[in-house]
Amino acid sequence: METLTKTEQRELAHRIGDGFEVTLLWGENDGALTVVVNDWRTAERFEVEARADNAMDVFNHPFAYRAA
């Protein structure tokens, strides 16, 4: 029997502007930091993993950290 763990995420920062939305999330269970970008201009959504030492830089410049 497989046990599923509910992952609680907390919003640490959020901004909207110029056709996109950026959210910095912290995983309560695992401490993971993730930046989620919704680009309404292209209808794309992507996530970028961050570390504690660069989370705000990833939040402020998510397109620079996006995997090619």
N, C-alpha and C. Protein backbone atom coordinates (compact mmCIF):
# COMPACT_ATOMS: atom_id res chain seq x y z
N MET A 1 0.84 -1.18 0.00
CA MET A 1 0.00 0.00 0.00
C MET A 1 0.89 1.24 0.00
N GLU A 2 0.63 2.15 -0.90
CA GLU A 2 1.42 3.38 -1.02
C GLU A 2 0.81 4.47 -0.18
N THR A 3 1.66 5.18 0.55
CA THR A 3 1.20 6.29 1.38
C THR A 3 1.56 7.60 0.70
N LEU A 4 0.59 8.45 0.51
CA LEU A 4 0.83 9.77 -0.08
C LEU A 4 0.97 10.80 1.02
N THR A 5 1.96 11.66 0.89
CA THR A 5 2.19 12.72 1.87
C THR A 5 1.72 14.04 1.29
N LYS A 6 0.90 14.72 2.01
CA LYS A 6 0.42 16.03 1.57
C LYS A 6 1.53 17.05 1.82
N THR A 7 1.91 17.75 0.78
CA THR A 7 2.95 18.76 0.91
C THR A 7 2.30 20.12 1.10
N GLU A 8 2.59 20.72 2.22
CA GLU A 8 2.10 22.06 2.49
C GLU A 8 3.11 23.06 1.95
N GLN A 9 2.64 24.02 1.19
CA GLN A 9 3.51 25.07 0.67
C GLN A 9 3.01 26.41 1.18
N ARG A 10 3.95 27.23 1.55
CA ARG A 10 3.66 28.57 2.05
C ARG A 10 4.18 29.60 1.06
N GLU A 11 3.37 30.59 0.79
CA GLU A 11 3.78 31.68 -0.10
C GLU A 11 4.65 32.66 0.67
N LEU A 12 5.87 32.86 0.17
CA LEU A 12 6.79 33.79 0.81
C LEU A 12 6.81 35.15 0.11
N ALA A 13 6.57 35.15 -1.19
CA ALA A 13 6.56 36.40 -1.96
C ALA A 13 5.70 36.19 -3.20
N HIS A 14 5.11 37.28 -3.67
CA HIS A 14 4.23 37.20 -4.83
C HIS A 14 4.23 38.55 -5.52
N ARG A 15 4.25 38.51 -6.86
CA ARG A 15 4.14 39.76 -7.61
C ARG A 15 3.47 39.49 -8.95
N ILE A 16 2.81 40.52 -9.46
CA ILE A 16 2.14 40.46 -10.75
C ILE A 16 2.52 41.72 -11.52
N GLY A 17 2.86 41.56 -12.79
CA GLY A 17 3.14 42.72 -13.62
C GLY A 17 3.62 42.34 -14.99
N ASP A 18 3.35 43.19 -15.96
CA ASP A 18 3.82 43.04 -17.33
C ASP A 18 3.43 41.70 -17.95
N GLY A 19 2.25 41.21 -17.58
CA GLY A 19 1.74 40.00 -18.21
C GLY A 19 2.16 38.70 -17.56
N PHE A 20 2.81 38.76 -16.42
CA PHE A 20 3.15 37.51 -15.75
C PHE A 20 3.03 37.63 -14.24
N GLU A 21 2.95 36.47 -13.60
CA GLU A 21 2.80 36.36 -12.15
C GLU A 21 3.94 35.48 -11.63
N VAL A 22 4.57 35.91 -10.54
CA VAL A 22 5.69 35.17 -9.96
C VAL A 22 5.40 34.94 -8.48
N THR A 23 5.58 33.69 -8.05
CA THR A 23 5.33 33.32 -6.65
C THR A 23 6.51 32.52 -6.12
N LEU A 24 6.99 32.88 -4.94
CA LEU A 24 8.04 32.13 -4.24
C LEU A 24 7.36 31.29 -3.17
N LEU A 25 7.55 29.97 -3.26
CA LEU A 25 6.93 29.04 -2.33
C LEU A 25 7.98 28.30 -1.52
N TRP A 26 7.62 28.01 -0.27
CA TRP A 26 8.48 27.24 0.62
C TRP A 26 7.72 25.99 1.03
N GLY A 27 8.33 24.82 0.84
CA GLY A 27 7.72 23.56 1.23
C GLY A 27 7.89 23.32 2.72
N GLU A 28 6.80 23.31 3.42
CA GLU A 28 6.83 23.16 4.87
C GLU A 28 7.43 21.83 5.31
N ASN A 29 7.17 20.77 4.57
CA ASN A 29 7.65 19.44 4.95
C ASN A 29 9.10 19.20 4.60
N ASP A 30 9.53 19.70 3.42
CA ASP A 30 10.88 19.41 2.97
C ASP A 30 11.80 20.62 2.87
N GLY A 31 11.28 21.82 3.11
CA GLY A 31 12.10 23.02 3.06
C GLY A 31 12.47 23.49 1.66
N ALA A 32 11.89 22.85 0.64
CA ALA A 32 12.20 23.21 -0.75
C ALA A 32 11.68 24.60 -1.08
N LEU A 33 12.47 25.35 -1.82
CA LEU A 33 12.08 26.67 -2.30
C LEU A 33 11.85 26.57 -3.80
N THR A 34 10.71 27.06 -4.24
CA THR A 34 10.32 26.98 -5.65
C THR A 34 9.74 28.31 -6.09
N VAL A 35 10.16 28.76 -7.26
CA VAL A 35 9.58 29.96 -7.87
C VAL A 35 8.69 29.48 -9.02
N VAL A 36 7.43 29.89 -8.98
CA VAL A 36 6.46 29.51 -10.00
C VAL A 36 6.13 30.75 -10.83
N VAL A 37 6.22 30.60 -12.15
CA VAL A 37 5.93 31.71 -13.05
C VAL A 37 4.78 31.34 -13.97
N ASN A 38 3.77 32.19 -14.01
CA ASN A 38 2.67 32.08 -14.96
C ASN A 38 2.81 33.24 -15.92
N ASP A 39 3.13 32.94 -17.18
CA ASP A 39 3.31 33.97 -18.20
C ASP A 39 2.03 34.01 -19.03
N TRP A 40 1.19 35.01 -18.78
CA TRP A 40 -0.09 35.11 -19.46
C TRP A 40 0.07 35.54 -20.91
N ARG A 41 1.20 36.11 -21.26
CA ARG A 41 1.43 36.53 -22.65
C ARG A 41 1.58 35.32 -23.57
N THR A 42 2.23 34.27 -23.06
CA THR A 42 2.48 33.07 -23.87
C THR A 42 1.70 31.85 -23.40
N ALA A 43 0.93 32.02 -22.33
CA ALA A 43 0.15 30.93 -21.72
C ALA A 43 1.06 29.80 -21.22
N GLU A 44 2.28 30.15 -20.83
CA GLU A 44 3.23 29.17 -20.29
C GLU A 44 3.28 29.26 -18.77
N ARG A 45 3.60 28.14 -18.16
CA ARG A 45 3.82 28.07 -16.71
C ARG A 45 5.09 27.26 -16.51
N PHE A 46 5.97 27.74 -15.63
CA PHE A 46 7.16 26.96 -15.31
C PHE A 46 7.56 27.19 -13.87
N GLU A 47 8.36 26.25 -13.37
CA GLU A 47 8.86 26.32 -12.00
C GLU A 47 10.38 26.27 -12.03
N VAL A 48 10.99 26.98 -11.08
CA VAL A 48 12.43 26.98 -10.94
C VAL A 48 12.75 26.68 -9.48
N GLU A 49 13.62 25.70 -9.25
CA GLU A 49 14.06 25.41 -7.89
C GLU A 49 15.05 26.48 -7.46
N ALA A 50 14.99 26.83 -6.19
CA ALA A 50 15.90 27.84 -5.64
C ALA A 50 16.52 27.30 -4.36
N ARG A 51 17.57 27.99 -3.93
CA ARG A 51 18.22 27.68 -2.65
C ARG A 51 18.00 28.86 -1.72
N ALA A 52 18.26 28.67 -0.46
CA ALA A 52 18.09 29.75 0.51
C ALA A 52 18.96 30.96 0.16
N ASP A 53 20.15 30.71 -0.39
CA ASP A 53 21.06 31.82 -0.67
C ASP A 53 20.77 32.55 -1.99
N ASN A 54 19.86 32.01 -2.83
CA ASN A 54 19.56 32.72 -4.08
C ASN A 54 18.06 32.85 -4.34
N ALA A 55 17.23 32.53 -3.39
CA ALA A 55 15.78 32.50 -3.60
C ALA A 55 15.23 33.85 -4.07
N MET A 56 15.66 34.93 -3.48
CA MET A 56 15.14 36.23 -3.89
C MET A 56 15.66 36.63 -5.27
N ASP A 57 16.86 36.23 -5.62
CA ASP A 57 17.37 36.51 -6.95
C ASP A 57 16.58 35.73 -8.00
N VAL A 58 16.28 34.48 -7.71
CA VAL A 58 15.45 33.68 -8.62
C VAL A 58 14.06 34.29 -8.72
N PHE A 59 13.50 34.74 -7.60
CA PHE A 59 12.19 35.38 -7.60
C PHE A 59 12.20 36.65 -8.45
N ASN A 60 13.26 37.45 -8.33
CA ASN A 60 13.33 38.71 -9.07
C ASN A 60 13.71 38.54 -10.54
N HIS A 61 14.40 37.44 -10.88
CA HIS A 61 14.86 37.21 -12.25
C HIS A 61 14.62 35.78 -12.70
N PRO A 62 13.37 35.28 -12.64
CA PRO A 62 13.12 33.86 -12.91
C PRO A 62 13.46 33.43 -14.34
N PHE A 63 13.36 34.34 -15.30
CA PHE A 63 13.65 33.94 -16.68
C PHE A 63 15.14 33.67 -16.87
N ALA A 64 15.97 34.29 -16.07
CA ALA A 64 17.42 34.04 -16.16
C ALA A 64 17.78 32.66 -15.62
N TYR A 65 16.95 32.13 -14.73
CA TYR A 65 17.22 30.82 -14.12
C TYR A 65 16.45 29.69 -14.79
N ARG A 66 15.59 30.03 -15.71
CA ARG A 66 14.78 29.02 -16.39
C ARG A 66 15.66 28.09 -17.21
N ALA A 67 15.41 26.79 -17.10
CA ALA A 67 16.19 25.81 -17.88
C ALA A 67 15.88 25.98 -19.35
N ALA A 68 16.89 25.86 -20.15
CA ALA A 68 16.73 26.04 -21.60
C ALA A 68 16.09 24.83 -22.23
